Amino acid sequence: MTLALVDAIERTWAAIRRRHADVPRVVVTIGSGTIGAAPGRVTLGHYAGARWVHRDAGDLAELFVAGEGLEQGPRELLGTLLHEAAHGVAHTRGIQDTSRQGRWHNARFKALGEELGLTLAKDERIGWSTTTVPDETARAYAAELDRLAAAITAHRRSEHIAIAAGAGGGGHGGTVEGGRTSSNNGLAARCGCEPPRRIRVAPSVLDLGTITCGLCGKEFTAPEE
């Protein structure tokens, strides 16, 4: 089941890359999008640059897909992949497409999402993050949608539903909220230096406004969604 799903996702990502040259190579991971999240919330996916090191290819980005989101079907999964691909294009081009620890999706992300074929709507809380796959884009990826549909034979139950049903909670280190990692020590934020400087700060403090690095002049941000 998992091998077929990962293969279908990788083939779909390859199809996106054939259409959009700035979409980077990734390592696909599948897991929970609700562990540590507030009830009713799920992180459907995230893109994170240089999280894996390949023996021959060097640094590779990570594409995370939440098992809970598979319940929504292949078209919604394609939307998640295109959403994360837009973040990948931003990373390739050096575009700051989010702020507020990766939660706020700005107008630059909207433009990238439209470039990849998505329709975007603005959410007052998280910006241009709400994406849908229009019919034209669905037709362009018809073969990939068929492959995804055949591969989605199960979906992950939300942690909140599982615990309510008596399954118990699994052990985990930090928490994941909206695609960003946190712990009791706060969010781990990085600047644009090479290598980046790192700070830990409470989410409420970062929400008050931008924290800028005095060396590179760029904003400290948590890992992207």
N, C-alpha and C. Protein backbone atom coordinates (compact mmCIF):
# COMPACT_ATOMS: atom_id res chain seq x y z
N MET A 1 0.82 -1.20 0.00
CA MET A 1 0.00 0.00 0.00
C MET A 1 0.86 1.26 0.00
N THR A 2 1.82 1.34 0.95
CA THR A 2 2.65 2.54 1.06
C THR A 2 3.56 2.70 -0.15
N LEU A 3 4.15 1.61 -0.63
CA LEU A 3 5.04 1.69 -1.79
C LEU A 3 4.31 2.22 -3.00
N ALA A 4 3.10 1.74 -3.26
CA ALA A 4 2.33 2.19 -4.41
C ALA A 4 1.98 3.67 -4.28
N LEU A 5 1.65 4.10 -3.07
CA LEU A 5 1.29 5.50 -2.85
C LEU A 5 2.49 6.41 -3.04
N VAL A 6 3.62 6.05 -2.45
CA VAL A 6 4.83 6.86 -2.62
C VAL A 6 5.22 6.92 -4.09
N ASP A 7 5.12 5.80 -4.79
CA ASP A 7 5.44 5.78 -6.21
C ASP A 7 4.53 6.72 -6.99
N ALA A 8 3.23 6.71 -6.68
CA ALA A 8 2.29 7.59 -7.38
C ALA A 8 2.59 9.06 -7.09
N ILE A 9 2.93 9.36 -5.83
CA ILE A 9 3.28 10.74 -5.48
C ILE A 9 4.56 11.17 -6.19
N GLU A 10 5.56 10.30 -6.20
CA GLU A 10 6.82 10.63 -6.87
C GLU A 10 6.61 10.84 -8.37
N ARG A 11 5.77 10.03 -8.99
CA ARG A 11 5.49 10.19 -10.42
C ARG A 11 4.75 11.50 -10.69
N THR A 12 3.84 11.84 -9.80
CA THR A 12 3.12 13.11 -9.95
C THR A 12 4.07 14.28 -9.79
N TRP A 13 4.96 14.20 -8.80
CA TRP A 13 5.95 15.27 -8.60
C TRP A 13 6.85 15.39 -9.83
N ALA A 14 7.23 14.27 -10.41
CA ALA A 14 8.05 14.30 -11.62
C ALA A 14 7.30 14.97 -12.76
N ALA A 15 6.00 14.73 -12.86
CA ALA A 15 5.20 15.37 -13.91
C ALA A 15 5.13 16.88 -13.69
N ILE A 16 5.02 17.30 -12.42
CA ILE A 16 5.04 18.73 -12.11
C ILE A 16 6.38 19.34 -12.49
N ARG A 17 7.47 18.63 -12.21
CA ARG A 17 8.80 19.13 -12.54
C ARG A 17 9.01 19.24 -14.05
N ARG A 18 8.40 18.34 -14.81
CA ARG A 18 8.53 18.43 -16.28
C ARG A 18 7.87 19.69 -16.80
N ARG A 19 6.84 20.14 -16.15
CA ARG A 19 6.13 21.35 -16.58
C ARG A 19 6.76 22.61 -16.00
N HIS A 20 7.43 22.48 -14.87
CA HIS A 20 7.96 23.66 -14.17
C HIS A 20 9.39 23.35 -13.71
N ALA A 21 10.35 23.88 -14.44
CA ALA A 21 11.75 23.50 -14.26
C ALA A 21 12.31 23.89 -12.90
N ASP A 22 11.74 24.89 -12.23
CA ASP A 22 12.28 25.35 -10.95
C ASP A 22 11.75 24.56 -9.75
N VAL A 23 10.90 23.58 -10.00
CA VAL A 23 10.46 22.70 -8.91
C VAL A 23 11.60 21.73 -8.60
N PRO A 24 12.08 21.69 -7.36
CA PRO A 24 13.27 20.88 -7.05
C PRO A 24 12.95 19.40 -6.83
N ARG A 25 13.99 18.60 -6.84
CA ARG A 25 13.86 17.20 -6.46
C ARG A 25 13.59 17.11 -4.96
N VAL A 26 12.86 16.07 -4.56
CA VAL A 26 12.51 15.93 -3.15
C VAL A 26 12.59 14.47 -2.71
N VAL A 27 12.64 14.29 -1.41
CA VAL A 27 12.42 12.99 -0.78
C VAL A 27 11.01 13.00 -0.22
N VAL A 28 10.17 12.05 -0.62
CA VAL A 28 8.78 12.00 -0.18
C VAL A 28 8.68 11.27 1.16
N THR A 29 8.00 11.89 2.12
CA THR A 29 7.70 11.24 3.39
C THR A 29 6.20 11.32 3.64
N ILE A 30 5.66 10.29 4.28
CA ILE A 30 4.24 10.25 4.61
C ILE A 30 4.11 9.99 6.11
N GLY A 31 3.25 10.74 6.77
CA GLY A 31 3.08 10.56 8.20
C GLY A 31 1.83 11.23 8.69
N SER A 32 1.82 11.59 9.97
CA SER A 32 0.66 12.21 10.58
C SER A 32 0.71 13.73 10.45
N GLY A 33 -0.42 14.31 10.11
CA GLY A 33 -0.53 15.77 10.07
C GLY A 33 -1.31 16.32 11.24
N THR A 34 -1.61 15.46 12.24
CA THR A 34 -2.39 15.92 13.38
C THR A 34 -1.70 15.73 14.73
N ILE A 35 -0.57 15.03 14.76
CA ILE A 35 0.15 14.88 16.04
C ILE A 35 0.60 16.26 16.53
N GLY A 36 0.15 16.63 17.72
CA GLY A 36 0.52 17.91 18.30
C GLY A 36 -0.30 19.08 17.81
N ALA A 37 -1.17 18.86 16.83
CA ALA A 37 -1.99 19.95 16.28
C ALA A 37 -3.23 20.15 17.14
N ALA A 38 -3.78 21.36 17.07
CA ALA A 38 -5.02 21.64 17.79
C ALA A 38 -6.15 20.81 17.20
N PRO A 39 -7.13 20.44 17.99
CA PRO A 39 -8.26 19.66 17.48
C PRO A 39 -8.91 20.35 16.28
N GLY A 40 -9.16 19.56 15.24
CA GLY A 40 -9.77 20.10 14.03
C GLY A 40 -8.78 20.61 13.01
N ARG A 41 -7.50 20.63 13.36
CA ARG A 41 -6.48 21.12 12.43
C ARG A 41 -5.63 19.97 11.92
N VAL A 42 -5.19 20.10 10.68
CA VAL A 42 -4.30 19.10 10.09
C VAL A 42 -3.32 19.80 9.17
N THR A 43 -2.06 19.42 9.23
CA THR A 43 -1.06 19.90 8.29
C THR A 43 -1.06 18.93 7.11
N LEU A 44 -1.62 19.36 5.98
CA LEU A 44 -1.76 18.47 4.83
C LEU A 44 -0.42 18.15 4.18
N GLY A 45 0.53 19.07 4.27
CA GLY A 45 1.83 18.84 3.66
C GLY A 45 2.80 19.94 4.03
N HIS A 46 4.06 19.71 3.74
CA HIS A 46 5.03 20.79 3.84
C HIS A 46 6.21 20.51 2.93
N TYR A 47 6.86 21.60 2.53
CA TYR A 47 8.11 21.54 1.77
C TYR A 47 9.19 22.12 2.66
N ALA A 48 10.32 21.44 2.76
CA ALA A 48 11.44 21.93 3.56
C ALA A 48 12.74 21.66 2.81
N GLY A 49 13.49 22.69 2.54
CA GLY A 49 14.71 22.56 1.75
C GLY A 49 15.85 21.90 2.51
N ALA A 50 16.68 21.15 1.79
CA ALA A 50 17.94 20.58 2.30
C ALA A 50 17.78 19.80 3.60
N ARG A 51 16.72 19.01 3.68
CA ARG A 51 16.52 18.20 4.88
C ARG A 51 17.15 16.81 4.76
N TRP A 52 17.46 16.37 3.55
CA TRP A 52 18.05 15.05 3.32
C TRP A 52 19.37 15.21 2.57
N VAL A 53 20.28 14.28 2.81
CA VAL A 53 21.56 14.26 2.11
C VAL A 53 21.68 12.94 1.36
N HIS A 54 21.66 13.02 0.03
CA HIS A 54 21.79 11.83 -0.81
C HIS A 54 23.26 11.51 -1.03
N ARG A 55 23.58 10.24 -1.05
CA ARG A 55 24.97 9.81 -1.18
C ARG A 55 25.63 10.39 -2.43
N ASP A 56 24.88 10.49 -3.53
CA ASP A 56 25.44 10.99 -4.79
C ASP A 56 24.95 12.39 -5.14
N ALA A 57 23.67 12.67 -4.89
CA ALA A 57 23.07 13.93 -5.33
C ALA A 57 23.26 15.07 -4.34
N GLY A 58 23.70 14.77 -3.12
CA GLY A 58 23.89 15.82 -2.13
C GLY A 58 22.58 16.20 -1.45
N ASP A 59 22.42 17.49 -1.15
CA ASP A 59 21.24 17.96 -0.43
C ASP A 59 19.97 17.80 -1.25
N LEU A 60 18.93 17.31 -0.60
CA LEU A 60 17.61 17.19 -1.22
C LEU A 60 16.57 17.75 -0.25
N ALA A 61 15.53 18.34 -0.83
CA ALA A 61 14.43 18.86 -0.02
C ALA A 61 13.51 17.73 0.41
N GLU A 62 12.68 18.02 1.40
CA GLU A 62 11.69 17.05 1.87
C GLU A 62 10.29 17.49 1.46
N LEU A 63 9.51 16.55 0.94
CA LEU A 63 8.09 16.75 0.70
C LEU A 63 7.33 15.84 1.65
N PHE A 64 6.62 16.44 2.60
CA PHE A 64 5.82 15.67 3.54
C PHE A 64 4.36 15.70 3.12
N VAL A 65 3.72 14.54 3.15
CA VAL A 65 2.30 14.41 2.85
C VAL A 65 1.62 13.75 4.04
N ALA A 66 0.55 14.36 4.54
CA ALA A 66 -0.16 13.82 5.69
C ALA A 66 -1.11 12.71 5.27
N GLY A 67 -1.06 11.60 6.01
CA GLY A 67 -1.96 10.50 5.71
C GLY A 67 -3.42 10.84 5.92
N GLU A 68 -3.71 11.80 6.82
CA GLU A 68 -5.09 12.20 7.06
C GLU A 68 -5.71 12.85 5.82
N GLY A 69 -4.90 13.57 5.05
CA GLY A 69 -5.42 14.26 3.88
C GLY A 69 -5.82 13.35 2.74
N LEU A 70 -5.36 12.10 2.77
CA LEU A 70 -5.68 11.17 1.69
C LEU A 70 -7.18 10.89 1.62
N GLU A 71 -7.87 11.08 2.72
CA GLU A 71 -9.32 10.86 2.75
C GLU A 71 -10.05 11.77 1.76
N GLN A 72 -9.45 12.92 1.44
CA GLN A 72 -10.09 13.89 0.57
C GLN A 72 -10.02 13.51 -0.91
N GLY A 73 -9.16 12.56 -1.25
CA GLY A 73 -9.13 12.07 -2.62
C GLY A 73 -7.97 12.60 -3.45
N PRO A 74 -7.85 12.11 -4.69
CA PRO A 74 -6.68 12.41 -5.53
C PRO A 74 -6.58 13.87 -5.96
N ARG A 75 -7.69 14.51 -6.24
CA ARG A 75 -7.62 15.89 -6.71
C ARG A 75 -7.11 16.81 -5.60
N GLU A 76 -7.57 16.58 -4.39
CA GLU A 76 -7.08 17.38 -3.27
C GLU A 76 -5.62 17.09 -2.98
N LEU A 77 -5.21 15.83 -3.15
CA LEU A 77 -3.79 15.49 -2.98
C LEU A 77 -2.95 16.19 -4.03
N LEU A 78 -3.42 16.23 -5.27
CA LEU A 78 -2.70 16.98 -6.31
C LEU A 78 -2.58 18.44 -5.91
N GLY A 79 -3.65 19.00 -5.34
CA GLY A 79 -3.58 20.38 -4.88
C GLY A 79 -2.52 20.59 -3.82
N THR A 80 -2.39 19.64 -2.89
CA THR A 80 -1.35 19.73 -1.88
C THR A 80 0.04 19.68 -2.52
N LEU A 81 0.22 18.79 -3.48
CA LEU A 81 1.53 18.67 -4.14
C LEU A 81 1.87 19.94 -4.90
N LEU A 82 0.91 20.53 -5.60
CA LEU A 82 1.16 21.77 -6.33
C LEU A 82 1.43 22.93 -5.36
N HIS A 83 0.72 22.94 -4.24
CA HIS A 83 0.96 23.96 -3.20
C HIS A 83 2.40 23.89 -2.71
N GLU A 84 2.85 22.68 -2.37
CA GLU A 84 4.22 22.52 -1.87
C GLU A 84 5.24 22.75 -2.98
N ALA A 85 4.88 22.41 -4.21
CA ALA A 85 5.78 22.68 -5.34
C ALA A 85 5.98 24.18 -5.51
N ALA A 86 4.93 24.97 -5.25
CA ALA A 86 5.07 26.43 -5.32
C ALA A 86 6.07 26.92 -4.27
N HIS A 87 6.03 26.33 -3.06
CA HIS A 87 7.05 26.67 -2.06
C HIS A 87 8.44 26.27 -2.56
N GLY A 88 8.52 25.13 -3.25
CA GLY A 88 9.80 24.69 -3.79
C GLY A 88 10.35 25.65 -4.83
N VAL A 89 9.48 26.17 -5.69
CA VAL A 89 9.90 27.15 -6.68
C VAL A 89 10.41 28.41 -5.99
N ALA A 90 9.70 28.83 -4.94
CA ALA A 90 10.15 30.01 -4.18
C ALA A 90 11.54 29.77 -3.60
N HIS A 91 11.78 28.58 -3.09
CA HIS A 91 13.09 28.24 -2.54
C HIS A 91 14.16 28.29 -3.62
N THR A 92 13.87 27.73 -4.79
CA THR A 92 14.82 27.72 -5.90
C THR A 92 15.17 29.13 -6.34
N ARG A 93 14.18 30.00 -6.39
CA ARG A 93 14.37 31.37 -6.90
C ARG A 93 14.77 32.36 -5.81
N GLY A 94 14.85 31.91 -4.57
CA GLY A 94 15.20 32.81 -3.48
C GLY A 94 14.13 33.82 -3.16
N ILE A 95 12.87 33.42 -3.29
CA ILE A 95 11.73 34.30 -3.04
C ILE A 95 11.19 34.05 -1.63
N GLN A 96 11.00 35.12 -0.86
CA GLN A 96 10.38 35.01 0.46
C GLN A 96 8.87 34.99 0.26
N ASP A 97 8.27 33.79 0.28
CA ASP A 97 6.85 33.66 -0.03
C ASP A 97 5.96 33.52 1.19
N THR A 98 6.57 33.40 2.38
CA THR A 98 5.80 33.30 3.63
C THR A 98 6.47 34.14 4.71
N SER A 99 5.72 34.39 5.77
CA SER A 99 6.24 35.04 6.97
C SER A 99 5.46 34.51 8.16
N ARG A 100 5.71 35.07 9.34
CA ARG A 100 5.05 34.61 10.57
C ARG A 100 5.25 33.11 10.77
N GLN A 101 6.50 32.68 10.76
CA GLN A 101 6.89 31.29 10.95
C GLN A 101 6.31 30.38 9.87
N GLY A 102 6.15 30.92 8.67
CA GLY A 102 5.65 30.13 7.56
C GLY A 102 4.14 30.06 7.48
N ARG A 103 3.43 30.71 8.40
CA ARG A 103 1.97 30.62 8.38
C ARG A 103 1.35 31.55 7.34
N TRP A 104 1.89 32.77 7.20
CA TRP A 104 1.28 33.75 6.31
C TRP A 104 1.83 33.59 4.89
N HIS A 105 0.95 33.31 3.96
CA HIS A 105 1.31 33.14 2.55
C HIS A 105 1.02 34.45 1.82
N ASN A 106 2.08 35.09 1.32
CA ASN A 106 1.93 36.43 0.77
C ASN A 106 1.58 36.43 -0.71
N ALA A 107 1.54 37.63 -1.30
CA ALA A 107 1.15 37.76 -2.70
C ALA A 107 2.15 37.10 -3.64
N ARG A 108 3.41 37.00 -3.22
CA ARG A 108 4.39 36.31 -4.06
C ARG A 108 4.07 34.82 -4.13
N PHE A 109 3.60 34.24 -3.02
CA PHE A 109 3.17 32.84 -3.07
C PHE A 109 1.95 32.69 -3.97
N LYS A 110 1.03 33.62 -3.90
CA LYS A 110 -0.16 33.58 -4.77
C LYS A 110 0.25 33.53 -6.23
N ALA A 111 1.21 34.36 -6.62
CA ALA A 111 1.66 34.38 -8.01
C ALA A 111 2.30 33.05 -8.40
N LEU A 112 3.07 32.47 -7.50
CA LEU A 112 3.71 31.18 -7.79
C LEU A 112 2.66 30.07 -7.90
N GLY A 113 1.68 30.09 -7.00
CA GLY A 113 0.63 29.09 -7.06
C GLY A 113 -0.14 29.16 -8.37
N GLU A 114 -0.44 30.36 -8.82
CA GLU A 114 -1.13 30.53 -10.09
C GLU A 114 -0.26 30.07 -11.25
N GLU A 115 1.04 30.31 -11.15
CA GLU A 115 1.96 29.85 -12.18
C GLU A 115 1.92 28.33 -12.32
N LEU A 116 1.72 27.64 -11.21
CA LEU A 116 1.68 26.18 -11.23
C LEU A 116 0.29 25.63 -11.51
N GLY A 117 -0.69 26.52 -11.71
CA GLY A 117 -2.01 26.07 -12.13
C GLY A 117 -3.06 26.01 -11.05
N LEU A 118 -2.80 26.59 -9.89
CA LEU A 118 -3.76 26.57 -8.80
C LEU A 118 -4.66 27.80 -8.81
N THR A 119 -5.82 27.67 -8.21
CA THR A 119 -6.67 28.80 -7.90
C THR A 119 -6.53 29.06 -6.40
N LEU A 120 -6.26 30.31 -6.03
CA LEU A 120 -5.97 30.63 -4.64
C LEU A 120 -7.00 31.61 -4.08
N ALA A 121 -7.35 31.40 -2.82
CA ALA A 121 -8.24 32.30 -2.10
C ALA A 121 -7.53 32.78 -0.84
N LYS A 122 -7.85 33.99 -0.43
CA LYS A 122 -7.18 34.58 0.73
C LYS A 122 -7.93 34.27 2.02
N ASP A 123 -7.19 33.81 2.99
CA ASP A 123 -7.70 33.57 4.34
C ASP A 123 -7.15 34.68 5.23
N GLU A 124 -8.01 35.30 6.01
CA GLU A 124 -7.56 36.43 6.82
C GLU A 124 -6.53 36.04 7.86
N ARG A 125 -6.47 34.75 8.20
CA ARG A 125 -5.54 34.29 9.22
C ARG A 125 -4.20 33.88 8.65
N ILE A 126 -4.20 33.24 7.44
CA ILE A 126 -2.96 32.68 6.89
C ILE A 126 -2.64 33.15 5.48
N GLY A 127 -3.37 34.14 4.98
CA GLY A 127 -3.05 34.69 3.67
C GLY A 127 -3.51 33.82 2.51
N TRP A 128 -2.73 33.84 1.42
CA TRP A 128 -3.10 33.15 0.19
C TRP A 128 -2.70 31.67 0.26
N SER A 129 -3.23 30.97 1.23
CA SER A 129 -2.86 29.57 1.45
C SER A 129 -3.92 28.59 0.99
N THR A 130 -5.15 29.04 0.84
CA THR A 130 -6.24 28.15 0.44
C THR A 130 -6.19 27.95 -1.07
N THR A 131 -5.92 26.72 -1.49
CA THR A 131 -5.72 26.43 -2.91
C THR A 131 -6.68 25.35 -3.37
N THR A 132 -7.13 25.48 -4.62
CA THR A 132 -7.96 24.46 -5.26
C THR A 132 -7.41 24.19 -6.65
N VAL A 133 -7.72 23.00 -7.17
CA VAL A 133 -7.27 22.60 -8.50
C VAL A 133 -8.39 22.85 -9.49
N PRO A 134 -8.25 23.82 -10.40
CA PRO A 134 -9.30 24.07 -11.39
C PRO A 134 -9.38 22.96 -12.42
N ASP A 135 -10.46 22.94 -13.17
CA ASP A 135 -10.67 21.87 -14.15
C ASP A 135 -9.56 21.79 -15.18
N GLU A 136 -9.06 22.94 -15.63
CA GLU A 136 -8.00 22.94 -16.64
C GLU A 136 -6.75 22.23 -16.13
N THR A 137 -6.38 22.49 -14.89
CA THR A 137 -5.21 21.83 -14.30
C THR A 137 -5.48 20.35 -14.09
N ALA A 138 -6.68 20.02 -13.66
CA ALA A 138 -7.03 18.60 -13.48
C ALA A 138 -6.93 17.84 -14.79
N ARG A 139 -7.34 18.47 -15.88
CA ARG A 139 -7.23 17.81 -17.19
C ARG A 139 -5.77 17.62 -17.57
N ALA A 140 -4.93 18.59 -17.25
CA ALA A 140 -3.51 18.50 -17.60
C ALA A 140 -2.83 17.36 -16.85
N TYR A 141 -3.33 17.04 -15.65
CA TYR A 141 -2.74 15.98 -14.84
C TYR A 141 -3.68 14.77 -14.73
N ALA A 142 -4.45 14.52 -15.78
CA ALA A 142 -5.44 13.44 -15.75
C ALA A 142 -4.80 12.08 -15.47
N ALA A 143 -3.69 11.80 -16.13
CA ALA A 143 -3.02 10.50 -15.93
C ALA A 143 -2.51 10.37 -14.50
N GLU A 144 -1.98 11.46 -13.96
CA GLU A 144 -1.47 11.42 -12.58
C GLU A 144 -2.62 11.26 -11.58
N LEU A 145 -3.75 11.91 -11.85
CA LEU A 145 -4.90 11.77 -10.97
C LEU A 145 -5.41 10.33 -10.95
N ASP A 146 -5.42 9.69 -12.12
CA ASP A 146 -5.84 8.29 -12.17
C ASP A 146 -4.89 7.41 -11.36
N ARG A 147 -3.59 7.70 -11.47
CA ARG A 147 -2.61 6.90 -10.73
C ARG A 147 -2.75 7.12 -9.22
N LEU A 148 -2.97 8.36 -8.82
CA LEU A 148 -3.16 8.65 -7.40
C LEU A 148 -4.43 7.98 -6.87
N ALA A 149 -5.49 8.03 -7.66
CA ALA A 149 -6.75 7.42 -7.24
C ALA A 149 -6.59 5.92 -7.00
N ALA A 150 -5.85 5.27 -7.88
CA ALA A 150 -5.62 3.83 -7.72
C ALA A 150 -4.76 3.52 -6.51
N ALA A 151 -3.87 4.45 -6.16
CA ALA A 151 -2.91 4.19 -5.07
C ALA A 151 -3.48 4.51 -3.69
N ILE A 152 -4.49 5.38 -3.64
CA ILE A 152 -5.07 5.75 -2.34
C ILE A 152 -6.08 4.68 -1.94
N THR A 153 -5.63 3.73 -1.17
CA THR A 153 -6.50 2.65 -0.70
C THR A 153 -6.80 2.75 0.79
N ALA A 154 -6.19 3.72 1.46
CA ALA A 154 -6.42 3.91 2.89
C ALA A 154 -6.03 5.34 3.24
N HIS A 155 -6.47 5.80 4.39
CA HIS A 155 -6.05 7.10 4.89
C HIS A 155 -5.82 6.98 6.39
N ARG A 156 -5.06 7.92 6.93
CA ARG A 156 -4.73 7.88 8.36
C ARG A 156 -5.83 8.53 9.17
N ARG A 157 -6.18 7.92 10.28
CA ARG A 157 -7.15 8.50 11.20
C ARG A 157 -6.49 9.64 11.97
N SER A 158 -7.25 10.73 12.18
CA SER A 158 -6.75 11.84 12.97
C SER A 158 -6.39 11.39 14.37
N GLU A 159 -5.31 11.96 14.92
CA GLU A 159 -4.93 11.63 16.30
C GLU A 159 -6.05 11.93 17.28
N HIS A 160 -6.81 12.99 17.03
CA HIS A 160 -7.88 13.37 17.94
C HIS A 160 -9.00 12.32 17.93
N ILE A 161 -9.31 11.79 16.76
CA ILE A 161 -10.33 10.75 16.66
C ILE A 161 -9.81 9.46 17.28
N ALA A 162 -8.54 9.13 17.01
CA ALA A 162 -7.96 7.89 17.54
C ALA A 162 -7.94 7.89 19.06
N ILE A 163 -7.54 9.01 19.65
CA ILE A 163 -7.48 9.09 21.11
C ILE A 163 -8.88 9.02 21.71
N ALA A 164 -9.86 9.69 21.05
CA ALA A 164 -11.23 9.66 21.53
C ALA A 164 -11.80 8.25 21.45
N ALA A 165 -11.32 7.47 20.48
CA ALA A 165 -11.80 6.10 20.32
C ALA A 165 -11.10 5.12 21.24
N GLY A 166 -10.12 5.62 22.02
CA GLY A 166 -9.45 4.76 22.98
C GLY A 166 -8.16 4.15 22.48
N ALA A 167 -7.64 4.65 21.34
CA ALA A 167 -6.40 4.09 20.80
C ALA A 167 -5.18 4.56 21.57
N GLY A 168 -5.32 5.66 22.30
CA GLY A 168 -4.18 6.17 23.06
C GLY A 168 -3.31 7.06 22.22
N GLY A 169 -2.42 7.80 22.86
CA GLY A 169 -1.53 8.71 22.16
C GLY A 169 -0.14 8.15 22.07
N GLY A 170 0.46 8.25 20.91
CA GLY A 170 1.83 7.78 20.74
C GLY A 170 2.82 8.80 21.27
N GLY A 171 4.02 8.34 21.57
CA GLY A 171 5.04 9.25 22.07
C GLY A 171 5.68 10.03 20.94
N HIS A 172 5.97 11.30 21.18
CA HIS A 172 6.66 12.13 20.20
C HIS A 172 7.34 13.27 20.92
N GLY A 173 8.36 13.82 20.27
CA GLY A 173 9.17 14.82 20.93
C GLY A 173 8.52 16.18 20.98
N GLY A 174 8.70 16.98 19.92
CA GLY A 174 8.11 18.29 19.88
C GLY A 174 6.68 18.20 19.40
N THR A 175 6.14 19.33 19.00
CA THR A 175 4.81 19.34 18.43
C THR A 175 4.88 19.93 17.04
N VAL A 176 3.89 19.63 16.23
CA VAL A 176 3.83 20.15 14.88
C VAL A 176 2.54 20.91 14.74
N GLU A 177 2.64 22.15 14.33
CA GLU A 177 1.45 22.97 14.19
C GLU A 177 1.59 23.76 12.90
N GLY A 178 0.72 23.46 11.93
CA GLY A 178 0.74 24.18 10.68
C GLY A 178 2.03 24.02 9.92
N GLY A 179 2.70 22.88 10.07
CA GLY A 179 3.90 22.64 9.29
C GLY A 179 5.18 23.13 9.92
N ARG A 180 5.11 23.67 11.17
CA ARG A 180 6.30 24.18 11.81
C ARG A 180 6.58 23.39 13.07
N THR A 181 7.84 23.12 13.36
CA THR A 181 8.17 22.35 14.55
C THR A 181 8.35 23.27 15.74
N SER A 182 7.94 22.79 16.91
CA SER A 182 8.11 23.57 18.12
C SER A 182 8.37 22.62 19.28
N SER A 183 8.75 23.16 20.41
CA SER A 183 8.97 22.37 21.62
C SER A 183 8.73 23.29 22.79
N ASN A 184 8.97 22.77 23.98
CA ASN A 184 8.80 23.60 25.15
C ASN A 184 9.78 24.77 25.16
N ASN A 185 10.82 24.70 24.35
CA ASN A 185 11.80 25.78 24.26
C ASN A 185 11.46 26.79 23.19
N GLY A 186 10.29 26.67 22.57
CA GLY A 186 9.88 27.62 21.55
C GLY A 186 10.18 27.14 20.14
N LEU A 187 9.87 28.00 19.18
CA LEU A 187 10.12 27.69 17.78
C LEU A 187 11.60 27.85 17.46
N ALA A 188 12.11 26.98 16.59
CA ALA A 188 13.48 27.10 16.10
C ALA A 188 13.45 27.91 14.81
N ALA A 189 13.93 29.14 14.85
CA ALA A 189 13.90 30.03 13.69
C ALA A 189 15.31 30.25 13.16
N ARG A 190 15.42 30.43 11.84
CA ARG A 190 16.72 30.60 11.19
C ARG A 190 16.71 31.85 10.32
N CYS A 191 17.88 32.44 10.15
CA CYS A 191 18.01 33.60 9.26
C CYS A 191 18.54 33.14 7.91
N GLY A 192 18.96 34.10 7.08
CA GLY A 192 19.43 33.77 5.74
C GLY A 192 20.93 33.62 5.61
N CYS A 193 21.67 33.66 6.73
CA CYS A 193 23.12 33.49 6.67
C CYS A 193 23.48 32.08 6.19
N GLU A 194 24.69 31.92 5.67
CA GLU A 194 25.21 30.61 5.28
C GLU A 194 26.47 30.32 6.07
N PRO A 195 26.45 29.38 7.04
CA PRO A 195 25.27 28.65 7.50
C PRO A 195 24.35 29.57 8.30
N PRO A 196 23.06 29.22 8.40
CA PRO A 196 22.12 30.10 9.09
C PRO A 196 22.37 30.17 10.59
N ARG A 197 22.12 31.34 11.16
CA ARG A 197 22.12 31.48 12.61
C ARG A 197 20.75 31.03 13.11
N ARG A 198 20.69 30.45 14.30
CA ARG A 198 19.45 29.90 14.83
C ARG A 198 19.11 30.53 16.18
N ILE A 199 17.83 30.77 16.36
CA ILE A 199 17.35 31.25 17.65
C ILE A 199 16.11 30.43 18.03
N ARG A 200 15.80 30.39 19.32
CA ARG A 200 14.54 29.80 19.78
C ARG A 200 13.71 30.90 20.42
N VAL A 201 12.45 30.96 20.01
CA VAL A 201 11.59 32.05 20.47
C VAL A 201 10.16 31.55 20.55
N ALA A 202 9.40 32.08 21.48
CA ALA A 202 8.00 31.70 21.62
C ALA A 202 7.21 32.16 20.39
N PRO A 203 6.26 31.37 19.91
CA PRO A 203 5.44 31.79 18.76
C PRO A 203 4.77 33.13 18.98
N SER A 204 4.32 33.40 20.21
CA SER A 204 3.65 34.66 20.49
C SER A 204 4.58 35.85 20.30
N VAL A 205 5.88 35.65 20.56
CA VAL A 205 6.85 36.73 20.37
C VAL A 205 7.07 36.98 18.88
N LEU A 206 7.23 35.91 18.09
CA LEU A 206 7.40 36.10 16.65
C LEU A 206 6.17 36.73 16.02
N ASP A 207 4.99 36.43 16.55
CA ASP A 207 3.77 37.00 16.00
C ASP A 207 3.69 38.51 16.21
N LEU A 208 4.46 39.04 17.15
CA LEU A 208 4.44 40.47 17.41
C LEU A 208 5.07 41.27 16.28
N GLY A 209 5.98 40.65 15.53
CA GLY A 209 6.64 41.36 14.44
C GLY A 209 7.92 40.67 14.02
N THR A 210 8.51 41.17 12.94
CA THR A 210 9.69 40.56 12.36
C THR A 210 10.91 40.69 13.28
N ILE A 211 11.69 39.61 13.38
CA ILE A 211 12.99 39.64 14.04
C ILE A 211 14.04 39.50 12.95
N THR A 212 14.89 40.50 12.81
CA THR A 212 15.83 40.56 11.69
C THR A 212 17.26 40.27 12.15
N CYS A 213 17.99 39.49 11.35
CA CYS A 213 19.39 39.21 11.63
C CYS A 213 20.24 40.43 11.34
N GLY A 214 21.11 40.79 12.27
CA GLY A 214 21.96 41.95 12.07
C GLY A 214 23.09 41.73 11.08
N LEU A 215 23.37 40.46 10.71
CA LEU A 215 24.44 40.17 9.76
C LEU A 215 23.95 40.14 8.32
N CYS A 216 22.91 39.32 8.07
CA CYS A 216 22.44 39.19 6.68
C CYS A 216 21.27 40.11 6.37
N GLY A 217 20.65 40.67 7.41
CA GLY A 217 19.54 41.58 7.19
C GLY A 217 18.22 40.90 6.86
N LYS A 218 18.17 39.58 6.95
CA LYS A 218 16.95 38.85 6.60
C LYS A 218 16.20 38.44 7.87
N GLU A 219 14.91 38.14 7.66
CA GLU A 219 14.03 37.78 8.76
C GLU A 219 14.33 36.38 9.29
N PHE A 220 14.27 36.22 10.61
CA PHE A 220 14.31 34.88 11.20
C PHE A 220 12.96 34.22 10.98
N THR A 221 12.97 33.03 10.37
CA THR A 221 11.73 32.30 10.11
C THR A 221 11.88 30.86 10.56
N ALA A 222 10.75 30.25 10.91
CA ALA A 222 10.72 28.83 11.24
C ALA A 222 10.60 28.04 9.95
N PRO A 223 10.78 26.71 9.96
CA PRO A 223 10.68 25.91 8.74
C PRO A 223 9.37 26.15 8.01
N GLU A 224 9.46 26.14 6.68
CA GLU A 224 8.30 26.45 5.84
C GLU A 224 7.28 25.34 5.89
N GLU A 225 6.02 25.76 5.63
CA GLU A 225 4.96 24.76 5.49
C GLU A 225 5.09 24.06 4.17
